[in-house]
Amino acid sequence: MNHLIVQRFILGLRDYRLYREGILSFYHVYSAFERTWAYLLANPNLVEPHIYAALQALSDPRLTRAPAIALDLTYLYGSDQFDPAAPADPNSVRGEYVAHIERTLREKPHLLLAYAHNYYMALFAGGKMLLRQILMTKAFFPIKSPASDSDEAKAFSTNMFVFPMDTGKEEQLRTKFKAAMELVEESLNEEEKTGLFTYPVASTFVADQLAQKSSRSPGSFTK
């Protein structure tokens, strides 16, 4: 995961309310590109055949992160404060960035490959380090229904980092995705490849959001 994001995320471990605001930004980014991905797969007439084939080849429901992050946010905020179906405020930085992602990816569908590579591969690498840091932080997450102890509270709050695979088998999913990505890249023309490797995905946006949240006093957040 982007080194800057990891640094910002670690700052968020001062207080679980900082952490939940950080993953809220991730939720909207993953939701935006995963939702657009599903839309394009459902509308093949909107995509060049070789790009459509690439999106199909990389699609794997086990990778999808938005629903997993929604589970974390529902626990951390409570269902009365977090609605997974609610869009980001269109007048907020998050809302503007979501609109940018969706607009860009509908115009240039091949850039979905950049988001997929950066955000899924990130969780297989830096995400593991972040999860270890989180699990080592004692009494970090609140214990509330349906959790009955700290271990369950951690489980209800870290779905973002957990793929639906047997323990120790995550590497198989990473290897499968990486191999598919390498094959997909061979089908792209030079212009598409250049765009894929030079397009700035949302890493800076997320890091900036985490920096802003981390600079606030934990006492300024609602429970």
C-alpha atoms as a PDB file:
ATOM      1  CA  MET A   1       0.000   0.000   0.000  1.00  0.00           C
ATOM      2  CA  ASN A   2       1.202   3.489  -0.805  1.00  0.00           C
ATOM      3  CA  HIS A   3       3.845   4.380   1.804  1.00  0.00           C
ATOM      4  CA  LEU A   4       2.257   7.769   2.474  1.00  0.00           C
ATOM      5  CA  ILE A   5      -1.118   6.156   3.128  1.00  0.00           C
ATOM      6  CA  VAL A   6       0.445   3.665   5.537  1.00  0.00           C
ATOM      7  CA  GLN A   7       2.044   6.519   7.486  1.00  0.00           C
ATOM      8  CA  ARG A   8      -1.244   8.397   7.689  1.00  0.00           C
ATOM      9  CA  PHE A   9      -3.145   5.266   8.656  1.00  0.00           C
ATOM     10  CA  ILE A  10      -0.784   4.558  11.529  1.00  0.00           C
ATOM     11  CA  LEU A  11      -1.547   8.043  12.868  1.00  0.00           C
ATOM     12  CA  GLY A  12      -5.186   7.013  12.810  1.00  0.00           C
ATOM     13  CA  LEU A  13      -4.439   4.299  15.358  1.00  0.00           C
ATOM     14  CA  ARG A  14      -4.497   6.972  18.058  1.00  0.00           C
ATOM     15  CA  ASP A  15      -8.277   6.695  18.157  1.00  0.00           C
ATOM     16  CA  TYR A  16     -10.752   4.377  16.451  1.00  0.00           C
ATOM     17  CA  ARG A  17     -12.791   7.386  15.314  1.00  0.00           C
ATOM     18  CA  LEU A  18      -9.828   8.559  13.238  1.00  0.00           C
ATOM     19  CA  TYR A  19      -9.501   5.052  11.798  1.00  0.00           C
ATOM     20  CA  ARG A  20     -13.172   4.847  10.799  1.00  0.00           C
ATOM     21  CA  GLU A  21     -13.050   8.219   9.033  1.00  0.00           C
ATOM     22  CA  GLY A  22      -9.983   7.015   7.155  1.00  0.00           C
ATOM     23  CA  ILE A  23     -11.644   3.839   5.910  1.00  0.00           C
ATOM     24  CA  LEU A  24     -14.729   5.869   4.978  1.00  0.00           C
ATOM     25  CA  SER A  25     -12.592   7.527   2.292  1.00  0.00           C
ATOM     26  CA  PHE A  26     -11.424   4.092   1.124  1.00  0.00           C
ATOM     27  CA  TYR A  27     -15.043   2.941   1.043  1.00  0.00           C
ATOM     28  CA  HIS A  28     -16.041   5.657  -1.401  1.00  0.00           C
ATOM     29  CA  VAL A  29     -13.000   5.060  -3.635  1.00  0.00           C
ATOM     30  CA  TYR A  30     -13.509   1.276  -3.803  1.00  0.00           C
ATOM     31  CA  SER A  31     -17.260   1.750  -4.257  1.00  0.00           C
ATOM     32  CA  ALA A  32     -16.730   4.157  -7.143  1.00  0.00           C
ATOM     33  CA  PHE A  33     -14.441   1.986  -9.236  1.00  0.00           C
ATOM     34  CA  GLU A  34     -16.088  -1.339  -8.321  1.00  0.00           C
ATOM     35  CA  ARG A  35     -19.537   0.070  -9.157  1.00  0.00           C
ATOM     36  CA  THR A  36     -18.262   1.434 -12.482  1.00  0.00           C
ATOM     37  CA  TRP A  37     -16.593  -1.904 -13.215  1.00  0.00           C
ATOM     38  CA  ALA A  38     -19.889  -3.755 -12.706  1.00  0.00           C
ATOM     39  CA  TYR A  39     -21.716  -1.196 -14.858  1.00  0.00           C
ATOM     40  CA  LEU A  40     -19.283  -1.631 -17.743  1.00  0.00           C
ATOM     41  CA  LEU A  41     -19.412  -5.426 -17.541  1.00  0.00           C
ATOM     42  CA  ALA A  42     -23.197  -5.179 -17.770  1.00  0.00           C
ATOM     43  CA  ASN A  43     -22.913  -2.911 -20.828  1.00  0.00           C
ATOM     44  CA  PRO A  44     -20.323  -4.429 -23.191  1.00  0.00           C
ATOM     45  CA  ASN A  45     -21.373  -2.067 -25.987  1.00  0.00           C
ATOM     46  CA  LEU A  46     -19.713   0.767 -24.033  1.00  0.00           C
ATOM     47  CA  VAL A  47     -16.281  -0.877 -23.983  1.00  0.00           C
ATOM     48  CA  GLU A  48     -13.757  -1.894 -26.623  1.00  0.00           C
ATOM     49  CA  PRO A  49     -13.805  -5.715 -26.965  1.00  0.00           C
ATOM     50  CA  HIS A  50     -10.221  -6.232 -25.761  1.00  0.00           C
ATOM     51  CA  ILE A  51     -10.817  -3.986 -22.717  1.00  0.00           C
ATOM     52  CA  TYR A  52     -14.065  -5.799 -21.945  1.00  0.00           C
ATOM     53  CA  ALA A  53     -12.208  -9.118 -22.084  1.00  0.00           C
ATOM     54  CA  ALA A  54      -9.575  -7.697 -19.733  1.00  0.00           C
ATOM     55  CA  LEU A  55     -12.175  -6.529 -17.225  1.00  0.00           C
ATOM     56  CA  GLN A  56     -13.813  -9.947 -17.357  1.00  0.00           C
ATOM     57  CA  ALA A  57     -10.499 -11.742 -16.853  1.00  0.00           C
ATOM     58  CA  LEU A  58      -9.642  -9.717 -13.750  1.00  0.00           C
ATOM     59  CA  SER A  59     -13.116  -9.756 -12.216  1.00  0.00           C
ATOM     60  CA  ASP A  60     -13.255 -11.903  -9.071  1.00  0.00           C
ATOM     61  CA  PRO A  61     -15.968 -11.363  -6.427  1.00  0.00           C
ATOM     62  CA  ARG A  62     -13.508 -12.387  -3.707  1.00  0.00           C
ATOM     63  CA  LEU A  63     -11.521  -9.215  -4.380  1.00  0.00           C
ATOM     64  CA  THR A  64     -14.447  -6.818  -4.029  1.00  0.00           C
ATOM     65  CA  ARG A  65     -13.822  -4.571  -1.028  1.00  0.00           C
ATOM     66  CA  ALA A  66     -16.696  -2.089  -0.778  1.00  0.00           C
ATOM     67  CA  PRO A  67     -19.125  -4.538   0.923  1.00  0.00           C
ATOM     68  CA  ALA A  68     -16.403  -5.628   3.359  1.00  0.00           C
ATOM     69  CA  ILE A  69     -15.556  -2.037   4.299  1.00  0.00           C
ATOM     70  CA  ALA A  70     -19.273  -1.331   4.685  1.00  0.00           C
ATOM     71  CA  LEU A  71     -19.403  -4.028   7.382  1.00  0.00           C
ATOM     72  CA  ASP A  72     -16.570  -2.291   9.255  1.00  0.00           C
ATOM     73  CA  LEU A  73     -18.235   1.108   8.994  1.00  0.00           C
ATOM     74  CA  THR A  74     -21.622  -0.235  10.073  1.00  0.00           C
ATOM     75  CA  TYR A  75     -20.036  -1.621  13.230  1.00  0.00           C
ATOM     76  CA  LEU A  76     -17.856   1.424  13.961  1.00  0.00           C
ATOM     77  CA  TYR A  77     -20.464   4.100  13.224  1.00  0.00           C
ATOM     78  CA  GLY A  78     -23.628   2.160  13.924  1.00  0.00           C
ATOM     79  CA  SER A  79     -26.391   1.549  11.394  1.00  0.00           C
ATOM     80  CA  ASP A  80     -28.056   4.786  12.480  1.00  0.00           C
ATOM     81  CA  GLN A  81     -25.043   6.849  11.318  1.00  0.00           C
ATOM     82  CA  PHE A  82     -23.763   4.863   8.348  1.00  0.00           C
ATOM     83  CA  ASP A  83     -25.865   3.851   5.359  1.00  0.00           C
ATOM     84  CA  PRO A  84     -23.865   1.898   2.739  1.00  0.00           C
ATOM     85  CA  ALA A  85     -26.331   2.975   0.054  1.00  0.00           C
ATOM     86  CA  ALA A  86     -25.872   6.674   0.789  1.00  0.00           C
ATOM     87  CA  PRO A  87     -23.593   8.424  -1.722  1.00  0.00           C
ATOM     88  CA  ALA A  88     -20.781  10.725  -0.678  1.00  0.00           C
ATOM     89  CA  ASP A  89     -21.890  14.320  -0.246  1.00  0.00           C
ATOM     90  CA  PRO A  90     -21.539  15.751  -3.789  1.00  0.00           C
ATOM     91  CA  ASN A  91     -20.314  19.046  -2.321  1.00  0.00           C
ATOM     92  CA  SER A  92     -17.548  17.377  -0.302  1.00  0.00           C
ATOM     93  CA  VAL A  93     -14.019  16.467  -1.404  1.00  0.00           C
ATOM     94  CA  ARG A  94     -15.043  12.810  -1.252  1.00  0.00           C
ATOM     95  CA  GLY A  95     -18.087  13.444  -3.421  1.00  0.00           C
ATOM     96  CA  GLU A  96     -16.105  15.390  -5.985  1.00  0.00           C
ATOM     97  CA  TYR A  97     -13.509  12.645  -6.199  1.00  0.00           C
ATOM     98  CA  VAL A  98     -16.142   9.920  -6.595  1.00  0.00           C
ATOM     99  CA  ALA A  99     -17.633  11.889  -9.496  1.00  0.00           C
ATOM    100  CA  HIS A 100     -14.146  12.254 -10.999  1.00  0.00           C
ATOM    101  CA  ILE A 101     -13.460   8.505 -10.761  1.00  0.00           C
ATOM    102  CA  GLU A 102     -16.763   7.512 -12.328  1.00  0.00           C
ATOM    103  CA  ARG A 103     -16.536  10.101 -15.100  1.00  0.00           C
ATOM    104  CA  THR A 104     -12.924   9.191 -15.953  1.00  0.00           C
ATOM    105  CA  LEU A 105     -13.510   5.446 -15.984  1.00  0.00           C
ATOM    106  CA  ARG A 106     -16.566   5.652 -18.205  1.00  0.00           C
ATOM    107  CA  GLU A 107     -14.558   7.732 -20.673  1.00  0.00           C
ATOM    108  CA  LYS A 108     -11.421   5.560 -20.394  1.00  0.00           C
ATOM    109  CA  PRO A 109     -12.440   2.096 -19.129  1.00  0.00           C
ATOM    110  CA  HIS A 110      -8.907   0.704 -19.420  1.00  0.00           C
ATOM    111  CA  LEU A 111      -7.906   2.875 -16.447  1.00  0.00           C
ATOM    112  CA  LEU A 112      -9.961   0.561 -14.246  1.00  0.00           C
ATOM    113  CA  LEU A 113      -6.964  -1.728 -14.505  1.00  0.00           C
ATOM    114  CA  ALA A 114      -4.850   0.909 -12.748  1.00  0.00           C
ATOM    115  CA  TYR A 115      -7.320   1.137  -9.864  1.00  0.00           C
ATOM    116  CA  ALA A 116      -7.625  -2.623  -9.582  1.00  0.00           C
ATOM    117  CA  HIS A 117      -3.869  -3.145  -9.577  1.00  0.00           C
ATOM    118  CA  ASN A 118      -3.101  -0.373  -7.095  1.00  0.00           C
ATOM    119  CA  TYR A 119      -5.899  -0.959  -4.623  1.00  0.00           C
ATOM    120  CA  TYR A 120      -6.114  -4.747  -4.600  1.00  0.00           C
ATOM    121  CA  MET A 121      -2.397  -5.436  -4.703  1.00  0.00           C
ATOM    122  CA  ALA A 122      -1.975  -2.809  -1.985  1.00  0.00           C
ATOM    123  CA  LEU A 123      -4.068  -4.846   0.428  1.00  0.00           C
ATOM    124  CA  PHE A 124      -1.972  -7.940  -0.201  1.00  0.00           C
ATOM    125  CA  ALA A 125       1.170  -6.021   0.763  1.00  0.00           C
ATOM    126  CA  GLY A 126       0.879  -2.913   2.939  1.00  0.00           C
ATOM    127  CA  GLY A 127      -2.576  -3.975   4.055  1.00  0.00           C
ATOM    128  CA  LYS A 128      -1.116  -6.965   5.870  1.00  0.00           C
ATOM    129  CA  MET A 129       1.281  -4.704   7.730  1.00  0.00           C
ATOM    130  CA  LEU A 130      -1.529  -2.350   8.711  1.00  0.00           C
ATOM    131  CA  LEU A 131      -3.663  -5.233   9.933  1.00  0.00           C
ATOM    132  CA  ARG A 132      -0.832  -6.483  12.152  1.00  0.00           C
ATOM    133  CA  GLN A 133      -0.441  -2.978  13.595  1.00  0.00           C
ATOM    134  CA  ILE A 134      -4.161  -2.751  14.265  1.00  0.00           C
ATOM    135  CA  LEU A 135      -4.397  -6.164  15.911  1.00  0.00           C
ATOM    136  CA  MET A 136      -1.431  -5.331  18.168  1.00  0.00           C
ATOM    137  CA  THR A 137      -3.108  -2.142  19.430  1.00  0.00           C
ATOM    138  CA  LYS A 138      -4.838  -3.066  22.673  1.00  0.00           C
ATOM    139  CA  ALA A 139      -8.358  -1.895  23.517  1.00  0.00           C
ATOM    140  CA  PHE A 140      -8.522   0.079  20.269  1.00  0.00           C
ATOM    141  CA  PHE A 141     -11.972  -0.793  18.965  1.00  0.00           C
ATOM    142  CA  PRO A 142     -15.114  -0.272  21.055  1.00  0.00           C
ATOM    143  CA  ILE A 143     -16.792  -3.406  22.361  1.00  0.00           C
ATOM    144  CA  LYS A 144     -20.477  -3.119  21.526  1.00  0.00           C
ATOM    145  CA  SER A 145     -23.227  -5.295  20.076  1.00  0.00           C
ATOM    146  CA  PRO A 146     -22.843  -7.671  18.342  1.00  0.00           C
ATOM    147  CA  ALA A 147     -19.241  -8.009  19.661  1.00  0.00           C
ATOM    148  CA  SER A 148     -18.862  -9.523  23.130  1.00  0.00           C
ATOM    149  CA  ASP A 149     -15.098  -9.087  23.593  1.00  0.00           C
ATOM    150  CA  SER A 150     -12.090  -7.283  22.102  1.00  0.00           C
ATOM    151  CA  ASP A 151     -11.273 -10.101  19.661  1.00  0.00           C
ATOM    152  CA  GLU A 152     -14.765  -9.950  18.182  1.00  0.00           C
ATOM    153  CA  ALA A 153     -14.592  -6.146  18.060  1.00  0.00           C
ATOM    154  CA  LYS A 154     -11.401  -6.420  15.997  1.00  0.00           C
ATOM    155  CA  ALA A 155     -13.018  -8.940  13.663  1.00  0.00           C
ATOM    156  CA  PHE A 156     -16.060  -6.697  13.122  1.00  0.00           C
ATOM    157  CA  SER A 157     -13.777  -3.717  12.364  1.00  0.00           C
ATOM    158  CA  THR A 158     -11.157  -5.160  10.002  1.00  0.00           C
ATOM    159  CA  ASN A 159     -13.124  -6.854   7.216  1.00  0.00           C
ATOM    160  CA  MET A 160     -11.438  -4.488   4.772  1.00  0.00           C
ATOM    161  CA  PHE A 161      -8.212  -6.471   5.097  1.00  0.00           C
ATOM    162  CA  VAL A 162      -9.719  -9.962   5.066  1.00  0.00           C
ATOM    163  CA  PHE A 163     -10.455 -11.846   1.848  1.00  0.00           C
ATOM    164  CA  PRO A 164     -12.946 -14.752   1.817  1.00  0.00           C
ATOM    165  CA  MET A 165     -10.223 -17.386   1.655  1.00  0.00           C
ATOM    166  CA  ASP A 166      -9.064 -20.070   4.045  1.00  0.00           C
ATOM    167  CA  THR A 167      -6.373 -18.844   6.419  1.00  0.00           C
ATOM    168  CA  GLY A 168      -3.014 -18.785   4.663  1.00  0.00           C
ATOM    169  CA  LYS A 169      -4.555 -19.097   1.195  1.00  0.00           C
ATOM    170  CA  GLU A 170      -4.664 -15.349   0.420  1.00  0.00           C
ATOM    171  CA  GLU A 171      -1.419 -15.703  -1.514  1.00  0.00           C
ATOM    172  CA  GLN A 172      -3.216 -17.881  -4.062  1.00  0.00           C
ATOM    173  CA  LEU A 173      -5.683 -15.081  -4.754  1.00  0.00           C
ATOM    174  CA  ARG A 174      -2.854 -12.554  -5.095  1.00  0.00           C
ATOM    175  CA  THR A 175      -0.915 -14.824  -7.456  1.00  0.00           C
ATOM    176  CA  LYS A 176      -4.010 -15.460  -9.606  1.00  0.00           C
ATOM    177  CA  PHE A 177      -4.762 -11.745  -9.850  1.00  0.00           C
ATOM    178  CA  LYS A 178      -1.158 -10.810 -10.632  1.00  0.00           C
ATOM    179  CA  ALA A 179      -0.900 -13.442 -13.369  1.00  0.00           C
ATOM    180  CA  ALA A 180      -4.181 -12.288 -14.915  1.00  0.00           C
ATOM    181  CA  MET A 181      -2.979  -8.676 -14.851  1.00  0.00           C
ATOM    182  CA  GLU A 182       0.231  -9.602 -16.685  1.00  0.00           C
ATOM    183  CA  LEU A 183      -1.746 -11.353 -19.422  1.00  0.00           C
ATOM    184  CA  VAL A 184      -4.160  -8.435 -19.678  1.00  0.00           C
ATOM    185  CA  GLU A 185      -1.340  -5.922 -20.133  1.00  0.00           C
ATOM    186  CA  GLU A 186      -0.218  -7.817 -23.245  1.00  0.00           C
ATOM    187  CA  SER A 187      -3.574  -7.076 -24.891  1.00  0.00           C
ATOM    188  CA  LEU A 188      -3.265  -3.300 -24.480  1.00  0.00           C
ATOM    189  CA  ASN A 189      -1.929  -0.973 -27.138  1.00  0.00           C
ATOM    190  CA  GLU A 190       0.981   1.349 -26.352  1.00  0.00           C
ATOM    191  CA  GLU A 191      -1.226   4.351 -25.600  1.00  0.00           C
ATOM    192  CA  GLU A 192      -3.313   2.324 -23.156  1.00  0.00           C
ATOM    193  CA  LYS A 193      -0.227   0.897 -21.468  1.00  0.00           C
ATOM    194  CA  THR A 194       1.246   4.367 -21.054  1.00  0.00           C
ATOM    195  CA  GLY A 195      -1.994   5.643 -19.555  1.00  0.00           C
ATOM    196  CA  LEU A 196      -2.177   2.647 -17.250  1.00  0.00           C
ATOM    197  CA  PHE A 197       1.250   3.282 -15.742  1.00  0.00           C
ATOM    198  CA  THR A 198       1.092   7.073 -15.590  1.00  0.00           C
ATOM    199  CA  TYR A 199      -2.478   7.735 -14.476  1.00  0.00           C
ATOM    200  CA  PRO A 200      -2.537   8.978 -10.853  1.00  0.00           C
ATOM    201  CA  VAL A 201      -5.050   6.852  -8.978  1.00  0.00           C
ATOM    202  CA  ALA A 202      -6.627   8.097  -5.756  1.00  0.00           C
ATOM    203  CA  SER A 203      -3.659   7.412  -3.467  1.00  0.00           C
ATOM    204  CA  THR A 204      -2.911  11.119  -2.959  1.00  0.00           C
ATOM    205  CA  PHE A 205      -6.569  11.888  -2.316  1.00  0.00           C
ATOM    206  CA  VAL A 206      -6.832   9.194   0.362  1.00  0.00           C
ATOM    207  CA  ALA A 207      -3.535  10.215   1.972  1.00  0.00           C
ATOM    208  CA  ASP A 208      -4.661  13.852   2.096  1.00  0.00           C
ATOM    209  CA  GLN A 209      -7.971  12.839   3.640  1.00  0.00           C
ATOM    210  CA  LEU A 210      -6.203  10.747   6.273  1.00  0.00           C
ATOM    211  CA  ALA A 211      -3.825  13.608   7.016  1.00  0.00           C
ATOM    212  CA  GLN A 212      -6.704  16.012   7.600  1.00  0.00           C
ATOM    213  CA  LYS A 213      -8.509  13.586   9.891  1.00  0.00           C
ATOM    214  CA  SER A 214      -5.352  12.647  11.781  1.00  0.00           C
ATOM    215  CA  SER A 215      -4.554  16.302  12.487  1.00  0.00           C
ATOM    216  CA  ARG A 216      -7.805  16.723  14.373  1.00  0.00           C
ATOM    217  CA  SER A 217      -8.051  16.105  18.080  1.00  0.00           C
ATOM    218  CA  PRO A 218      -9.785  12.775  18.863  1.00  0.00           C
ATOM    219  CA  GLY A 219     -12.000  14.727  21.247  1.00  0.00           C
ATOM    220  CA  SER A 220     -13.536  16.562  18.288  1.00  0.00           C
ATOM    221  CA  PHE A 221     -15.168  13.400  16.939  1.00  0.00           C
ATOM    222  CA  THR A 222     -18.590  12.113  17.846  1.00  0.00           C
ATOM    223  CA  LYS A 223     -18.912   8.677  19.366  1.00  0.00           C
END
